[in-house]
């Protein structure tokens, strides 16, 4: 994999820190999550997001759904850091929704 095949992502819990991940997997999972997560409250829980992701992400990138949860969490934290996703810190379990007007084409 060449350097251009990677993308830097952020983590809302570690401001200023970035990690490099596979660009294709990032873009596919990000796009799928932005289609699934609504642009209004109450949003979806992590479990609900994962349940909706499993049938739509390509098996060739995540065979048998392997590591979907890791990618889901990494992209959720990145999108929160970028101000695209909102988190309700008071809900149990936690819920996320898109910032209206951001993230969905």
PDB file of N, CA and C in Angstrom:
ATOM      1  N   UNK A   1       0.851  -1.174   0.000  1.00  0.00           N
ATOM      2  CA  UNK A   1       0.000   0.000   0.000  1.00  0.00           C
ATOM      3  C   UNK A   1       0.895   1.235   0.000  1.00  0.00           C
ATOM      4  N   UNK A   2       0.642   2.149  -0.882  1.00  0.00           N
ATOM      5  CA  UNK A   2       1.441   3.362  -0.949  1.00  0.00           C
ATOM      6  C   UNK A   2       0.909   4.403   0.013  1.00  0.00           C
ATOM      7  N   UNK A   3       1.720   5.427   0.218  1.00  0.00           N
ATOM      8  CA  UNK A   3       1.328   6.494   1.138  1.00  0.00           C
ATOM      9  C   UNK A   3       0.011   7.137   0.713  1.00  0.00           C
ATOM     10  N   UNK A   4      -0.238   7.228  -0.594  1.00  0.00           N
ATOM     11  CA  UNK A   4      -1.463   7.860  -1.085  1.00  0.00           C
ATOM     12  C   UNK A   4      -2.704   7.013  -0.817  1.00  0.00           C
ATOM     13  N   UNK A   5      -2.509   5.745  -0.433  1.00  0.00           N
ATOM     14  CA  UNK A   5      -3.639   4.878  -0.128  1.00  0.00           C
ATOM     15  C   UNK A   5      -4.118   5.040   1.313  1.00  0.00           C
ATOM     16  N   UNK A   6      -3.523   5.969   2.037  1.00  0.00           N
ATOM     17  CA  UNK A   6      -3.872   6.203   3.438  1.00  0.00           C
ATOM     18  C   UNK A   6      -4.484   7.589   3.594  1.00  0.00           C
ATOM     19  N   UNK A   7      -5.247   7.759   4.669  1.00  0.00           N
ATOM     20  CA  UNK A   7      -5.850   9.042   4.990  1.00  0.00           C
ATOM     21  C   UNK A   7      -5.691   9.259   6.493  1.00  0.00           C
ATOM     22  N   UNK A   8      -5.475  10.500   6.892  1.00  0.00           N
ATOM     23  CA  UNK A   8      -5.363  10.812   8.316  1.00  0.00           C
ATOM     24  C   UNK A   8      -6.751  11.057   8.891  1.00  0.00           C
ATOM     25  N   UNK A   9      -7.002  10.435  10.042  1.00  0.00           N
ATOM     26  CA  UNK A   9      -8.270  10.671  10.723  1.00  0.00           C
ATOM     27  C   UNK A   9      -7.994  11.196  12.130  1.00  0.00           C
ATOM     28  N   UNK A  10      -9.000  11.887  12.665  1.00  0.00           N
ATOM     29  CA  UNK A  10      -8.898  12.486  13.989  1.00  0.00           C
ATOM     30  C   UNK A  10      -9.710  11.672  14.996  1.00  0.00           C
ATOM     31  N   UNK A  11      -9.537  12.040  16.269  1.00  0.00           N
ATOM     32  CA  UNK A  11     -10.310  11.405  17.335  1.00  0.00           C
ATOM     33  C   UNK A  11     -10.759  12.512  18.276  1.00  0.00           C
ATOM     34  N   UNK A  12     -12.061  12.682  18.422  1.00  0.00           N
ATOM     35  CA  UNK A  12     -12.608  13.739  19.273  1.00  0.00           C
ATOM     36  C   UNK A  12     -12.079  13.634  20.704  1.00  0.00           C
ATOM     37  N   UNK A  13     -11.705  12.429  21.139  1.00  0.00           N
ATOM     38  CA  UNK A  13     -11.199  12.220  22.496  1.00  0.00           C
ATOM     39  C   UNK A  13      -9.704  12.509  22.635  1.00  0.00           C
ATOM     40  N   UNK A  14      -8.993  12.692  21.524  1.00  0.00           N
ATOM     41  CA  UNK A  14      -7.554  12.984  21.535  1.00  0.00           C
ATOM     42  C   UNK A  14      -7.271  14.139  20.577  1.00  0.00           C
ATOM     43  N   UNK A  15      -7.670  15.354  20.938  1.00  0.00           N
ATOM     44  CA  UNK A  15      -7.488  16.499  20.036  1.00  0.00           C
ATOM     45  C   UNK A  15      -6.024  16.656  19.599  1.00  0.00           C
ATOM     46  N   UNK A  16      -5.847  16.920  18.303  1.00  0.00           N
ATOM     47  CA  UNK A  16      -4.516  17.127  17.747  1.00  0.00           C
ATOM     48  C   UNK A  16      -3.793  15.862  17.345  1.00  0.00           C
ATOM     49  N   UNK A  17      -4.314  14.715  17.727  1.00  0.00           N
ATOM     50  CA  UNK A  17      -3.686  13.439  17.365  1.00  0.00           C
ATOM     51  C   UNK A  17      -4.390  12.872  16.139  1.00  0.00           C
ATOM     52  N   UNK A  18      -3.612  12.392  15.197  1.00  0.00           N
ATOM     53  CA  UNK A  18      -4.182  11.751  14.016  1.00  0.00           C
ATOM     54  C   UNK A  18      -3.557  10.376  13.834  1.00  0.00           C
ATOM     55  N   UNK A  19      -4.273   9.516  13.130  1.00  0.00           N
ATOM     56  CA  UNK A  19      -3.750   8.213  12.731  1.00  0.00           C
ATOM     57  C   UNK A  19      -4.046   8.037  11.248  1.00  0.00           C
ATOM     58  N   UNK A  20      -3.239   7.222  10.599  1.00  0.00           N
ATOM     59  CA  UNK A  20      -3.424   6.965   9.176  1.00  0.00           C
ATOM     60  C   UNK A  20      -4.105   5.618   9.002  1.00  0.00           C
ATOM     61  N   UNK A  21      -5.142   5.613   8.164  1.00  0.00           N
ATOM     62  CA  UNK A  21      -5.901   4.391   7.900  1.00  0.00           C
ATOM     63  C   UNK A  21      -6.098   4.229   6.398  1.00  0.00           C
ATOM     64  N   UNK A  22      -6.539   3.061   6.003  1.00  0.00           N
ATOM     65  CA  UNK A  22      -6.819   2.763   4.604  1.00  0.00           C
ATOM     66  C   UNK A  22      -7.871   3.733   4.068  1.00  0.00           C
ATOM     67  N   UNK A  23      -7.515   4.432   3.000  1.00  0.00           N
ATOM     68  CA  UNK A  23      -8.392   5.472   2.454  1.00  0.00           C
ATOM     69  C   UNK A  23      -9.685   4.894   1.874  1.00  0.00           C
ATOM     70  N   UNK A  24      -9.593   3.810   1.150  1.00  0.00           N
ATOM     71  CA  UNK A  24     -10.787   3.219   0.538  1.00  0.00           C
ATOM     72  C   UNK A  24     -11.779   2.768   1.602  1.00  0.00           C
ATOM     73  N   UNK A  25     -11.294   2.039   2.610  1.00  0.00           N
ATOM     74  CA  UNK A  25     -12.191   1.576   3.668  1.00  0.00           C
ATOM     75  C   UNK A  25     -12.807   2.765   4.401  1.00  0.00           C
ATOM     76  N   UNK A  26     -11.984   3.779   4.662  1.00  0.00           N
ATOM     77  CA  UNK A  26     -12.495   4.966   5.349  1.00  0.00           C
ATOM     78  C   UNK A  26     -13.638   5.592   4.550  1.00  0.00           C
ATOM     79  N   UNK A  27     -13.404   5.839   3.262  1.00  0.00           N
ATOM     80  CA  UNK A  27     -14.404   6.525   2.446  1.00  0.00           C
ATOM     81  C   UNK A  27     -15.684   5.713   2.293  1.00  0.00           C
ATOM     82  N   UNK A  28     -15.560   4.410   2.107  1.00  0.00           N
ATOM     83  CA  UNK A  28     -16.745   3.558   1.962  1.00  0.00           C
ATOM     84  C   UNK A  28     -17.552   3.545   3.257  1.00  0.00           C
ATOM     85  N   UNK A  29     -16.876   3.366   4.391  1.00  0.00           N
ATOM     86  CA  UNK A  29     -17.582   3.312   5.676  1.00  0.00           C
ATOM     87  C   UNK A  29     -18.157   4.680   6.034  1.00  0.00           C
ATOM     88  N   UNK A  30     -17.398   5.746   5.792  1.00  0.00           N
ATOM     89  CA  UNK A  30     -17.905   7.102   6.079  1.00  0.00           C
ATOM     90  C   UNK A  30     -19.173   7.378   5.285  1.00  0.00           C
ATOM     91  N   UNK A  31     -19.131   7.093   3.995  1.00  0.00           N
ATOM     92  CA  UNK A  31     -20.295   7.356   3.154  1.00  0.00           C
ATOM     93  C   UNK A  31     -21.503   6.541   3.606  1.00  0.00           C
ATOM     94  N   UNK A  32     -21.276   5.280   3.960  1.00  0.00           N
ATOM     95  CA  UNK A  32     -22.381   4.435   4.436  1.00  0.00           C
ATOM     96  C   UNK A  32     -22.955   4.978   5.742  1.00  0.00           C
ATOM     97  N   UNK A  33     -22.082   5.385   6.655  1.00  0.00           N
ATOM     98  CA  UNK A  33     -22.560   5.914   7.933  1.00  0.00           C
ATOM     99  C   UNK A  33     -23.340   7.206   7.742  1.00  0.00           C
ATOM    100  N   UNK A  34     -22.882   8.072   6.852  1.00  0.00           N
ATOM    101  CA  UNK A  34     -23.569   9.342   6.642  1.00  0.00           C
ATOM    102  C   UNK A  34     -24.932   9.155   5.980  1.00  0.00           C
ATOM    103  N   UNK A  35     -25.103   8.069   5.251  1.00  0.00           N
ATOM    104  CA  UNK A  35     -26.412   7.774   4.671  1.00  0.00           C
ATOM    105  C   UNK A  35     -27.363   7.206   5.728  1.00  0.00           C
ATOM    106  N   UNK A  36     -26.811   6.488   6.687  1.00  0.00           N
ATOM    107  CA  UNK A  36     -27.606   5.798   7.702  1.00  0.00           C
ATOM    108  C   UNK A  36     -27.995   6.729   8.849  1.00  0.00           C
ATOM    109  N   UNK A  37     -27.052   7.532   9.319  1.00  0.00           N
ATOM    110  CA  UNK A  37     -27.280   8.356  10.514  1.00  0.00           C
ATOM    111  C   UNK A  37     -28.149   9.555  10.155  1.00  0.00           C
ATOM    112  N   UNK A  38     -29.264   9.727  10.871  1.00  0.00           N
ATOM    113  CA  UNK A  38     -30.184  10.823  10.543  1.00  0.00           C
ATOM    114  C   UNK A  38     -29.636  12.195  10.926  1.00  0.00           C
ATOM    115  N   UNK A  39     -30.206  13.226  10.306  1.00  0.00           N
ATOM    116  CA  UNK A  39     -29.781  14.608  10.559  1.00  0.00           C
ATOM    117  C   UNK A  39     -30.652  15.258  11.620  1.00  0.00           C
ATOM    118  N   UNK A  40     -31.150  14.465  12.531  1.00  0.00           N
ATOM    119  CA  UNK A  40     -31.942  15.038  13.619  1.00  0.00           C
ATOM    120  C   UNK A  40     -31.899  14.118  14.828  1.00  0.00           C
ATOM    121  N   UNK A  41     -32.253  14.689  15.961  1.00  0.00           N
ATOM    122  CA  UNK A  41     -32.313  13.898  17.183  1.00  0.00           C
ATOM    123  C   UNK A  41     -33.565  13.025  17.155  1.00  0.00           C
ATOM    124  N   UNK A  42     -33.621  11.910  17.777  1.00  0.00           N
ATOM    125  CA  UNK A  42     -32.651  11.440  18.742  1.00  0.00           C
ATOM    126  C   UNK A  42     -31.457  10.722  18.131  1.00  0.00           C
ATOM    127  N   UNK A  43     -31.412  10.504  16.828  1.00  0.00           N
ATOM    128  CA  UNK A  43     -30.284   9.815  16.217  1.00  0.00           C
ATOM    129  C   UNK A  43     -30.344   8.323  16.440  1.00  0.00           C
ATOM    130  N   UNK A  44     -29.194   7.678  16.313  1.00  0.00           N
ATOM    131  CA  UNK A  44     -29.113   6.225  16.439  1.00  0.00           C
ATOM    132  C   UNK A  44     -28.055   5.845  17.462  1.00  0.00           C
ATOM    133  N   UNK A  45     -28.225   4.676  18.070  1.00  0.00           N
ATOM    134  CA  UNK A  45     -27.206   4.129  18.967  1.00  0.00           C
ATOM    135  C   UNK A  45     -26.129   3.448  18.124  1.00  0.00           C
ATOM    136  N   UNK A  46     -24.996   3.137  18.741  1.00  0.00           N
ATOM    137  CA  UNK A  46     -23.927   2.422  18.040  1.00  0.00           C
ATOM    138  C   UNK A  46     -24.430   1.072  17.530  1.00  0.00           C
ATOM    139  N   UNK A  47     -25.225   0.401  18.338  1.00  0.00           N
ATOM    140  CA  UNK A  47     -25.771  -0.894  17.930  1.00  0.00           C
ATOM    141  C   UNK A  47     -26.676  -0.747  16.714  1.00  0.00           C
ATOM    142  N   UNK A  48     -27.520   0.268  16.708  1.00  0.00           N
ATOM    143  CA  UNK A  48     -28.427   0.494  15.572  1.00  0.00           C
ATOM    144  C   UNK A  48     -27.639   0.841  14.307  1.00  0.00           C
ATOM    145  N   UNK A  49     -26.603   1.641  14.465  1.00  0.00           N
ATOM    146  CA  UNK A  49     -25.770   1.998  13.306  1.00  0.00           C
ATOM    147  C   UNK A  49     -25.133   0.738  12.737  1.00  0.00           C
ATOM    148  N   UNK A  50     -24.536  -0.084  13.603  1.00  0.00           N
ATOM    149  CA  UNK A  50     -23.879  -1.312  13.137  1.00  0.00           C
ATOM    150  C   UNK A  50     -24.871  -2.243  12.439  1.00  0.00           C
ATOM    151  N   UNK A  51     -26.059  -2.392  13.006  1.00  0.00           N
ATOM    152  CA  UNK A  51     -27.075  -3.262  12.391  1.00  0.00           C
ATOM    153  C   UNK A  51     -27.422  -2.796  10.984  1.00  0.00           C
ATOM    154  N   UNK A  52     -27.448  -1.483  10.776  1.00  0.00           N
ATOM    155  CA  UNK A  52     -27.766  -0.958   9.450  1.00  0.00           C
ATOM    156  C   UNK A  52     -26.565  -0.995   8.510  1.00  0.00           C
ATOM    157  N   UNK A  53     -25.354  -0.971   9.062  1.00  0.00           N
ATOM    158  CA  UNK A  53     -24.148  -1.012   8.232  1.00  0.00           C
ATOM    159  C   UNK A  53     -23.884  -2.395   7.646  1.00  0.00           C
ATOM    160  N   UNK A  54     -24.099  -3.421   8.436  1.00  0.00           N
ATOM    161  CA  UNK A  54     -23.726  -4.783   8.030  1.00  0.00           C
ATOM    162  C   UNK A  54     -24.239  -5.154   6.641  1.00  0.00           C
ATOM    163  N   UNK A  55     -25.511  -4.906   6.327  1.00  0.00           N
ATOM    164  CA  UNK A  55     -25.959  -5.314   4.989  1.00  0.00           C
ATOM    165  C   UNK A  55     -25.523  -4.384   3.855  1.00  0.00           C
ATOM    166  N   UNK A  56     -24.998  -3.196   4.160  1.00  0.00           N
ATOM    167  CA  UNK A  56     -24.682  -2.263   3.070  1.00  0.00           C
ATOM    168  C   UNK A  56     -23.193  -2.107   2.764  1.00  0.00           C
ATOM    169  N   UNK A  57     -22.319  -2.482   3.699  1.00  0.00           N
ATOM    170  CA  UNK A  57     -20.887  -2.360   3.387  1.00  0.00           C
ATOM    171  C   UNK A  57     -20.435  -3.590   2.605  1.00  0.00           C
ATOM    172  N   UNK A  58     -19.517  -3.394   1.663  1.00  0.00           N
ATOM    173  CA  UNK A  58     -19.114  -4.504   0.790  1.00  0.00           C
ATOM    174  C   UNK A  58     -18.345  -5.601   1.526  1.00  0.00           C
ATOM    175  N   UNK A  59     -18.741  -6.826   1.241  1.00  0.00           N
ATOM    176  CA  UNK A  59     -18.108  -7.993   1.845  1.00  0.00           C
ATOM    177  C   UNK A  59     -16.640  -8.106   1.440  1.00  0.00           C
ATOM    178  N   UNK A  60     -16.281  -7.589   0.270  1.00  0.00           N
ATOM    179  CA  UNK A  60     -14.878  -7.692  -0.151  1.00  0.00           C
ATOM    180  C   UNK A  60     -13.962  -6.816   0.714  1.00  0.00           C
ATOM    181  N   UNK A  61     -14.509  -5.779   1.346  1.00  0.00           N
ATOM    182  CA  UNK A  61     -13.712  -4.957   2.256  1.00  0.00           C
ATOM    183  C   UNK A  61     -13.801  -5.461   3.693  1.00  0.00           C
ATOM    184  N   UNK A  62     -14.948  -6.009   4.073  1.00  0.00           N
ATOM    185  CA  UNK A  62     -15.165  -6.531   5.421  1.00  0.00           C
ATOM    186  C   UNK A  62     -15.749  -7.934   5.318  1.00  0.00           C
ATOM    187  N   UNK A  63     -14.904  -8.937   4.980  1.00  0.00           N
ATOM    188  CA  UNK A  63     -15.412 -10.306   4.838  1.00  0.00           C
ATOM    189  C   UNK A  63     -16.090 -10.783   6.116  1.00  0.00           C
ATOM    190  N   UNK A  64     -17.300 -11.296   5.961  1.00  0.00           N
ATOM    191  CA  UNK A  64     -18.087 -11.798   7.098  1.00  0.00           C
ATOM    192  C   UNK A  64     -18.294 -10.736   8.180  1.00  0.00           C
ATOM    193  N   UNK A  65     -18.249  -9.470   7.789  1.00  0.00           N
ATOM    194  CA  UNK A  65     -18.465  -8.391   8.741  1.00  0.00           C
ATOM    195  C   UNK A  65     -17.303  -8.143   9.692  1.00  0.00           C
ATOM    196  N   UNK A  66     -16.130  -8.728   9.403  1.00  0.00           N
ATOM    197  CA  UNK A  66     -14.976  -8.581  10.290  1.00  0.00           C
ATOM    198  C   UNK A  66     -14.538  -7.126  10.398  1.00  0.00           C
ATOM    199  N   UNK A  67     -14.318  -6.706  11.603  1.00  0.00           N
ATOM    200  CA  UNK A  67     -13.785  -5.381  11.951  1.00  0.00           C
ATOM    201  C   UNK A  67     -14.703  -4.214  11.591  1.00  0.00           C
ATOM    202  N   UNK A  68     -15.960  -4.487  11.281  1.00  0.00           N
ATOM    203  CA  UNK A  68     -16.896  -3.396  11.016  1.00  0.00           C
ATOM    204  C   UNK A  68     -16.998  -2.488  12.236  1.00  0.00           C
ATOM    205  N   UNK A  69     -17.048  -3.090  13.426  1.00  0.00           N
ATOM    206  CA  UNK A  69     -17.167  -2.302  14.654  1.00  0.00           C
ATOM    207  C   UNK A  69     -15.998  -1.357  14.862  1.00  0.00           C
ATOM    208  N   UNK A  70     -14.779  -1.820  14.561  1.00  0.00           N
ATOM    209  CA  UNK A  70     -13.598  -0.954  14.706  1.00  0.00           C
ATOM    210  C   UNK A  70     -13.702   0.232  13.764  1.00  0.00           C
ATOM    211  N   UNK A  71     -14.021  -0.033  12.507  1.00  0.00           N
ATOM    212  CA  UNK A  71     -14.123   1.044  11.518  1.00  0.00           C
ATOM    213  C   UNK A  71     -15.268   1.987  11.846  1.00  0.00           C
ATOM    214  N   UNK A  72     -16.376   1.446  12.298  1.00  0.00           N
ATOM    215  CA  UNK A  72     -17.516   2.277  12.684  1.00  0.00           C
ATOM    216  C   UNK A  72     -17.095   3.250  13.785  1.00  0.00           C
ATOM    217  N   UNK A  73     -16.428   2.749  14.811  1.00  0.00           N
ATOM    218  CA  UNK A  73     -16.016   3.595  15.933  1.00  0.00           C
ATOM    219  C   UNK A  73     -14.973   4.624  15.491  1.00  0.00           C
ATOM    220  N   UNK A  74     -13.992   4.210  14.713  1.00  0.00           N
ATOM    221  CA  UNK A  74     -12.943   5.131  14.260  1.00  0.00           C
ATOM    222  C   UNK A  74     -13.542   6.277  13.448  1.00  0.00           C
ATOM    223  N   UNK A  75     -14.472   5.967  12.576  1.00  0.00           N
ATOM    224  CA  UNK A  75     -15.069   7.007  11.737  1.00  0.00           C
ATOM    225  C   UNK A  75     -16.041   7.859  12.535  1.00  0.00           C
ATOM    226  N   UNK A  76     -16.755   7.263  13.463  1.00  0.00           N
ATOM    227  CA  UNK A  76     -17.639   8.045  14.332  1.00  0.00           C
ATOM    228  C   UNK A  76     -16.826   9.082  15.105  1.00  0.00           C
ATOM    229  N   UNK A  77     -15.691   8.687  15.677  1.00  0.00           N
ATOM    230  CA  UNK A  77     -14.844   9.621  16.426  1.00  0.00           C
ATOM    231  C   UNK A  77     -14.258  10.697  15.522  1.00  0.00           C
ATOM    232  N   UNK A  78     -13.878  10.321  14.295  1.00  0.00           N
ATOM    233  CA  UNK A  78     -13.345  11.282  13.329  1.00  0.00           C
ATOM    234  C   UNK A  78     -14.417  12.296  12.930  1.00  0.00           C
ATOM    235  N   UNK A  79     -15.618  11.823  12.640  1.00  0.00           N
ATOM    236  CA  UNK A  79     -16.695  12.727  12.229  1.00  0.00           C
ATOM    237  C   UNK A  79     -17.138  13.641  13.372  1.00  0.00           C
ATOM    238  N   UNK A  80     -17.057  13.154  14.594  1.00  0.00           N
ATOM    239  CA  UNK A  80     -17.333  14.026  15.741  1.00  0.00           C
ATOM    240  C   UNK A  80     -16.263  15.116  15.835  1.00  0.00           C
ATOM    241  N   UNK A  81     -15.002  14.742  15.666  1.00  0.00           N
ATOM    242  CA  UNK A  81     -13.904  15.712  15.730  1.00  0.00           C
ATOM    243  C   UNK A  81     -14.043  16.776  14.651  1.00  0.00           C
ATOM    244  N   UNK A  82     -14.607  16.406  13.509  1.00  0.00           N
ATOM    245  CA  UNK A  82     -14.779  17.332  12.394  1.00  0.00           C
ATOM    246  C   UNK A  82     -16.092  18.130  12.490  1.00  0.00           C
ATOM    247  N   UNK A  83     -16.894  17.883  13.517  1.00  0.00           N
ATOM    248  CA  UNK A  83     -18.143  18.613  13.698  1.00  0.00           C
ATOM    249  C   UNK A  83     -19.265  18.150  12.793  1.00  0.00           C
ATOM    250  N   UNK A  84     -19.141  16.954  12.240  1.00  0.00           N
ATOM    251  CA  UNK A  84     -20.164  16.433  11.338  1.00  0.00           C
ATOM    252  C   UNK A  84     -21.199  15.597  12.099  1.00  0.00           C
ATOM    253  N   UNK A  85     -20.758  14.899  13.136  1.00  0.00           N
ATOM    254  CA  UNK A  85     -21.676  14.130  13.976  1.00  0.00           C
ATOM    255  C   UNK A  85     -21.794  14.782  15.340  1.00  0.00           C
ATOM    256  N   UNK A  86     -22.990  14.681  15.899  1.00  0.00           N
ATOM    257  CA  UNK A  86     -23.266  15.131  17.257  1.00  0.00           C
ATOM    258  C   UNK A  86     -23.519  13.912  18.124  1.00  0.00           C
ATOM    259  N   UNK A  87     -23.117  14.006  19.384  1.00  0.00           N
ATOM    260  CA  UNK A  87     -23.333  12.930  20.358  1.00  0.00           C
ATOM    261  C   UNK A  87     -24.187  13.481  21.492  1.00  0.00           C
ATOM    262  N   UNK A  88     -25.167  12.700  21.912  1.00  0.00           N
ATOM    263  CA  UNK A  88     -25.952  13.064  23.085  1.00  0.00           C
ATOM    264  C   UNK A  88     -25.303  12.398  24.294  1.00  0.00           C
ATOM    265  N   UNK A  89     -24.543  13.154  25.087  1.00  0.00           N
ATOM    266  CA  UNK A  89     -23.814  12.547  26.204  1.00  0.00           C
ATOM    267  C   UNK A  89     -24.713  12.097  27.354  1.00  0.00           C
ATOM    268  N   UNK A  90     -25.967  12.513  27.336  1.00  0.00           N
ATOM    269  CA  UNK A  90     -26.881  12.161  28.422  1.00  0.00           C
ATOM    270  C   UNK A  90     -27.672  10.888  28.138  1.00  0.00           C
ATOM    271  N   UNK A  91     -27.712  10.469  26.882  1.00  0.00           N
ATOM    272  CA  UNK A  91     -28.507   9.284  26.562  1.00  0.00           C
ATOM    273  C   UNK A  91     -27.758   8.020  26.965  1.00  0.00           C
ATOM    274  N   UNK A  92     -28.514   7.024  27.346  1.00  0.00           N
ATOM    275  CA  UNK A  92     -27.958   5.711  27.668  1.00  0.00           C
ATOM    276  C   UNK A  92     -28.788   4.691  26.916  1.00  0.00           C
ATOM    277  N   UNK A  93     -28.260   4.005  25.926  1.00  0.00           N
ATOM    278  CA  UNK A  93     -26.905   4.154  25.400  1.00  0.00           C
ATOM    279  C   UNK A  93     -26.746   5.459  24.622  1.00  0.00           C
ATOM    280  N   UNK A  94     -25.486   5.797  24.340  1.00  0.00           N
ATOM    281  CA  UNK A  94     -25.203   7.024  23.589  1.00  0.00           C
ATOM    282  C   UNK A  94     -25.872   6.989  22.224  1.00  0.00           C
ATOM    283  N   UNK A  95     -26.213   8.164  21.719  1.00  0.00           N
ATOM    284  CA  UNK A  95     -26.846   8.292  20.399  1.00  0.00           C
ATOM    285  C   UNK A  95     -26.123   9.357  19.589  1.00  0.00           C
ATOM    286  N   UNK A  96     -26.100   9.172  18.256  1.00  0.00           N
ATOM    287  CA  UNK A  96     -25.451  10.123  17.347  1.00  0.00           C
ATOM    288  C   UNK A  96     -26.403  10.531  16.244  1.00  0.00           C
ATOM    289  N   UNK A  97     -26.247  11.771  15.771  1.00  0.00           N
ATOM    290  CA  UNK A  97     -26.972  12.270  14.612  1.00  0.00           C
ATOM    291  C   UNK A  97     -26.048  13.213  13.862  1.00  0.00           C
ATOM    292  N   UNK A  98     -26.346  13.389  12.581  1.00  0.00           N
ATOM    293  CA  UNK A  98     -25.550  14.300  11.749  1.00  0.00           C
ATOM    294  C   UNK A  98     -25.911  15.737  12.063  1.00  0.00           C
ATOM    295  N   UNK A  99     -24.926  16.592  11.963  1.00  0.00           N
ATOM    296  CA  UNK A  99     -25.170  18.030  12.044  1.00  0.00           C
ATOM    297  C   UNK A  99     -25.977  18.403  10.803  1.00  0.00           C
ATOM    298  N   UNK A 100     -27.138  19.045  10.954  1.00  0.00           N
ATOM    299  CA  UNK A 100     -27.940  19.388   9.779  1.00  0.00           C
ATOM    300  C   UNK A 100     -27.114  20.153   8.744  1.00  0.00           C
ATOM    301  N   UNK A 101     -27.252  19.728   7.502  1.00  0.00           N
ATOM    302  CA  UNK A 101     -26.543  20.385   6.401  1.00  0.00           C
ATOM    303  C   UNK A 101     -25.112  19.942   6.217  1.00  0.00           C
ATOM    304  N   UNK A 102     -24.624  18.992   7.041  1.00  0.00           N
ATOM    305  CA  UNK A 102     -23.249  18.524   6.915  1.00  0.00           C
ATOM    306  C   UNK A 102     -23.222  17.037   6.641  1.00  0.00           C
ATOM    307  N   UNK A 103     -22.261  16.646   5.827  1.00  0.00           N
ATOM    308  CA  UNK A 103     -21.945  15.243   5.700  1.00  0.00           C
ATOM    309  C   UNK A 103     -22.757  14.403   4.753  1.00  0.00           C
ATOM    310  N   UNK A 104     -23.856  14.862   4.251  1.00  0.00           N
ATOM    311  CA  UNK A 104     -24.633  14.022   3.330  1.00  0.00           C
ATOM    312  C   UNK A 104     -24.748  14.739   1.996  1.00  0.00           C
ATOM    313  N   UNK A 105     -24.352  14.039   0.961  1.00  0.00           N
ATOM    314  CA  UNK A 105     -24.390  14.666  -0.361  1.00  0.00           C
ATOM    315  C   UNK A 105     -25.685  14.364  -1.077  1.00  0.00           C
TER     316      UNK A 105
END
